[in-house]
C-alpha cells in the first residue's frame, strides 16, 4: 500500500498540473508510451481511456495536444487522419515515472532489494 501511495505521489510530482492527476490520463499516457516507437491515429487513442465516454476521451486527448504534451500531425498515408505521439518532454516524464515505480516496488518487502538484504 505504501508503494502505491508513493507512486501516486510521484505522478503528481511529474505532472504538477492537477488536470493530469487523473487515472484516465495515466492510462492514456502509459499506453501511448508502450507504443512510443510510432505515432498513433488519433481515433485509436480513445479506447486507451475505457473508464470515460468517447466524448470525454476526445476532450482529454485534445486538451493534452493543446497543452503540448502530445504532438499532432497529418497522417501522410491518409491526409484525412491525424497522428498523435508523446512529446519528447512527456516521454521523458513517463520514463522517469516508470523508473521510479520500478525502484519503489523493488525496494518493498517482496522486491529484489528485500531479497538481497534478507
C-alpha atoms as a PDB file:
ATOM      1  CA  UNK A   1       0.000   0.000   0.000  1.00  0.00           C
ATOM      2  CA  UNK A   2       2.856   2.370   0.795  1.00  0.00           C
ATOM      3  CA  UNK A   3       4.371   1.710  -2.624  1.00  0.00           C
ATOM      4  CA  UNK A   4       1.092   2.645  -4.331  1.00  0.00           C
ATOM      5  CA  UNK A   5       0.912   5.872  -2.347  1.00  0.00           C
ATOM      6  CA  UNK A   6       4.500   6.709  -3.260  1.00  0.00           C
ATOM      7  CA  UNK A   7       3.887   6.044  -6.941  1.00  0.00           C
ATOM      8  CA  UNK A   8       0.756   8.171  -6.825  1.00  0.00           C
ATOM      9  CA  UNK A   9       2.703  10.971  -5.126  1.00  0.00           C
ATOM     10  CA  UNK A  10       5.409  10.826  -7.775  1.00  0.00           C
ATOM     11  CA  UNK A  11       2.855  11.021 -10.606  1.00  0.00           C
ATOM     12  CA  UNK A  12       1.746  14.308  -9.040  1.00  0.00           C
ATOM     13  CA  UNK A  13       5.375  15.458  -8.969  1.00  0.00           C
ATOM     14  CA  UNK A  14       5.913  14.579 -12.627  1.00  0.00           C
ATOM     15  CA  UNK A  15       2.603  16.211 -13.599  1.00  0.00           C
ATOM     16  CA  UNK A  16       2.123  19.186 -11.273  1.00  0.00           C
ATOM     17  CA  UNK A  17      -0.883  20.439 -13.273  1.00  0.00           C
ATOM     18  CA  UNK A  18      -3.844  18.888 -11.446  1.00  0.00           C
ATOM     19  CA  UNK A  19      -5.593  18.372 -14.780  1.00  0.00           C
ATOM     20  CA  UNK A  20      -3.304  15.402 -15.454  1.00  0.00           C
ATOM     21  CA  UNK A  21      -3.535  13.974 -11.940  1.00  0.00           C
ATOM     22  CA  UNK A  22      -6.182  11.615 -13.261  1.00  0.00           C
ATOM     23  CA  UNK A  23      -6.155   7.848 -13.848  1.00  0.00           C
ATOM     24  CA  UNK A  24      -7.542   8.368 -17.333  1.00  0.00           C
ATOM     25  CA  UNK A  25      -4.501  10.415 -18.316  1.00  0.00           C
ATOM     26  CA  UNK A  26      -2.295   7.817 -16.666  1.00  0.00           C
ATOM     27  CA  UNK A  27      -3.950   5.145 -18.814  1.00  0.00           C
ATOM     28  CA  UNK A  28      -3.605   7.250 -21.960  1.00  0.00           C
ATOM     29  CA  UNK A  29      -0.003   8.323 -21.453  1.00  0.00           C
ATOM     30  CA  UNK A  30       1.362   4.962 -20.315  1.00  0.00           C
ATOM     31  CA  UNK A  31      -0.390   3.068 -23.113  1.00  0.00           C
ATOM     32  CA  UNK A  32       0.942   5.552 -25.621  1.00  0.00           C
ATOM     33  CA  UNK A  33       4.406   5.131 -24.111  1.00  0.00           C
ATOM     34  CA  UNK A  34       4.199   1.400 -24.792  1.00  0.00           C
ATOM     35  CA  UNK A  35       3.729   2.259 -28.491  1.00  0.00           C
ATOM     36  CA  UNK A  36       6.238   5.124 -28.388  1.00  0.00           C
ATOM     37  CA  UNK A  37       8.111   3.982 -31.469  1.00  0.00           C
ATOM     38  CA  UNK A  38       5.252   5.085 -33.687  1.00  0.00           C
ATOM     39  CA  UNK A  39       2.622   7.786 -33.741  1.00  0.00           C
ATOM     40  CA  UNK A  40      -0.942   6.543 -33.373  1.00  0.00           C
ATOM     41  CA  UNK A  41      -4.108   7.542 -35.165  1.00  0.00           C
ATOM     42  CA  UNK A  42      -5.996   9.992 -33.030  1.00  0.00           C
ATOM     43  CA  UNK A  43      -9.099   7.796 -33.091  1.00  0.00           C
ATOM     44  CA  UNK A  44      -7.065   4.845 -31.790  1.00  0.00           C
ATOM     45  CA  UNK A  45      -6.303   6.731 -28.568  1.00  0.00           C
ATOM     46  CA  UNK A  46      -9.842   6.906 -27.234  1.00  0.00           C
ATOM     47  CA  UNK A  47     -10.059   3.227 -26.211  1.00  0.00           C
ATOM     48  CA  UNK A  48      -6.936   3.805 -24.069  1.00  0.00           C
ATOM     49  CA  UNK A  49      -9.310   5.504 -21.609  1.00  0.00           C
ATOM     50  CA  UNK A  50     -12.026   2.856 -21.118  1.00  0.00           C
ATOM     51  CA  UNK A  51     -13.497   4.428 -17.982  1.00  0.00           C
ATOM     52  CA  UNK A  52     -14.755   7.559 -19.725  1.00  0.00           C
ATOM     53  CA  UNK A  53     -17.183   8.174 -22.554  1.00  0.00           C
ATOM     54  CA  UNK A  54     -15.932   8.675 -26.098  1.00  0.00           C
ATOM     55  CA  UNK A  55     -16.855  12.346 -25.864  1.00  0.00           C
ATOM     56  CA  UNK A  56     -14.791  12.794 -22.702  1.00  0.00           C
ATOM     57  CA  UNK A  57     -11.862  10.860 -24.182  1.00  0.00           C
ATOM     58  CA  UNK A  58     -11.891  13.198 -27.202  1.00  0.00           C
ATOM     59  CA  UNK A  59     -11.743  16.199 -24.850  1.00  0.00           C
ATOM     60  CA  UNK A  60      -8.895  14.674 -22.833  1.00  0.00           C
ATOM     61  CA  UNK A  61      -6.788  13.979 -25.917  1.00  0.00           C
ATOM     62  CA  UNK A  62      -7.447  17.447 -27.317  1.00  0.00           C
ATOM     63  CA  UNK A  63      -6.507  19.099 -24.014  1.00  0.00           C
ATOM     64  CA  UNK A  64      -3.200  17.196 -23.943  1.00  0.00           C
ATOM     65  CA  UNK A  65      -2.494  18.249 -27.553  1.00  0.00           C
ATOM     66  CA  UNK A  66      -3.279  21.893 -26.828  1.00  0.00           C
ATOM     67  CA  UNK A  67      -1.015  21.872 -23.765  1.00  0.00           C
ATOM     68  CA  UNK A  68       1.872  20.451 -25.808  1.00  0.00           C
ATOM     69  CA  UNK A  69       2.081  17.108 -24.011  1.00  0.00           C
ATOM     70  CA  UNK A  70       1.029  15.319 -27.192  1.00  0.00           C
ATOM     71  CA  UNK A  71       2.024  16.233 -30.736  1.00  0.00           C
ATOM     72  CA  UNK A  72      -0.387  16.049 -33.656  1.00  0.00           C
ATOM     73  CA  UNK A  73       0.486  15.694 -37.340  1.00  0.00           C
ATOM     74  CA  UNK A  74      -1.388  14.857 -40.512  1.00  0.00           C
ATOM     75  CA  UNK A  75      -1.131  11.186 -41.472  1.00  0.00           C
ATOM     76  CA  UNK A  76       0.894  11.116 -44.714  1.00  0.00           C
ATOM     77  CA  UNK A  77      -0.866   7.889 -45.767  1.00  0.00           C
ATOM     78  CA  UNK A  78      -4.366   9.250 -45.152  1.00  0.00           C
ATOM     79  CA  UNK A  79      -4.463  13.038 -45.133  1.00  0.00           C
ATOM     80  CA  UNK A  80      -7.926  12.943 -43.521  1.00  0.00           C
ATOM     81  CA  UNK A  81      -6.486  11.383 -40.374  1.00  0.00           C
ATOM     82  CA  UNK A  82      -4.236  12.788 -37.701  1.00  0.00           C
ATOM     83  CA  UNK A  83      -1.384  11.052 -35.936  1.00  0.00           C
ATOM     84  CA  UNK A  84      -0.611  11.729 -32.301  1.00  0.00           C
ATOM     85  CA  UNK A  85       2.587  10.998 -30.379  1.00  0.00           C
ATOM     86  CA  UNK A  86       4.058  11.754 -26.993  1.00  0.00           C
ATOM     87  CA  UNK A  87       6.071  14.952 -26.923  1.00  0.00           C
ATOM     88  CA  UNK A  88       9.729  14.336 -26.069  1.00  0.00           C
ATOM     89  CA  UNK A  89       9.162  16.002 -22.684  1.00  0.00           C
ATOM     90  CA  UNK A  90       6.168  13.785 -21.894  1.00  0.00           C
ATOM     91  CA  UNK A  91       8.037  10.648 -22.989  1.00  0.00           C
ATOM     92  CA  UNK A  92      10.860  11.594 -20.615  1.00  0.00           C
ATOM     93  CA  UNK A  93       8.413  12.212 -17.759  1.00  0.00           C
ATOM     94  CA  UNK A  94       6.715   8.856 -18.325  1.00  0.00           C
ATOM     95  CA  UNK A  95      10.111   7.136 -18.313  1.00  0.00           C
ATOM     96  CA  UNK A  96      11.013   8.894 -15.040  1.00  0.00           C
ATOM     97  CA  UNK A  97       7.682   7.779 -13.588  1.00  0.00           C
ATOM     98  CA  UNK A  98       8.144   4.149 -14.675  1.00  0.00           C
ATOM     99  CA  UNK A  99      11.730   4.080 -13.375  1.00  0.00           C
ATOM    100  CA  UNK A 100      10.551   5.471 -10.041  1.00  0.00           C
ATOM    101  CA  UNK A 101       7.718   2.925  -9.856  1.00  0.00           C
ATOM    102  CA  UNK A 102      10.145   0.059 -10.501  1.00  0.00           C
ATOM    103  CA  UNK A 103      12.559   1.267  -7.824  1.00  0.00           C
ATOM    104  CA  UNK A 104       9.673   1.782  -5.392  1.00  0.00           C
ATOM    105  CA  UNK A 105       8.335  -1.735  -5.865  1.00  0.00           C
ATOM    106  CA  UNK A 106      11.824  -3.243  -5.884  1.00  0.00           C
ATOM    107  CA  UNK A 107      12.591  -1.720  -2.501  1.00  0.00           C
ATOM    108  CA  UNK A 108       9.400  -3.129  -0.953  1.00  0.00           C
ATOM    109  CA  UNK A 109       9.051  -6.321   1.095  1.00  0.00           C
ATOM    110  CA  UNK A 110       8.795  -8.594  -1.965  1.00  0.00           C
ATOM    111  CA  UNK A 111      11.199  -6.815  -4.318  1.00  0.00           C
ATOM    112  CA  UNK A 112      14.754  -7.711  -5.272  1.00  0.00           C
ATOM    113  CA  UNK A 113      16.100  -5.149  -2.791  1.00  0.00           C
ATOM    114  CA  UNK A 114      14.430  -7.027   0.080  1.00  0.00           C
ATOM    115  CA  UNK A 115      15.750 -10.393  -1.151  1.00  0.00           C
ATOM    116  CA  UNK A 116      19.330  -9.089  -1.362  1.00  0.00           C
ATOM    117  CA  UNK A 117      19.268  -7.819   2.201  1.00  0.00           C
ATOM    118  CA  UNK A 118      17.199 -10.684   3.619  1.00  0.00           C
END
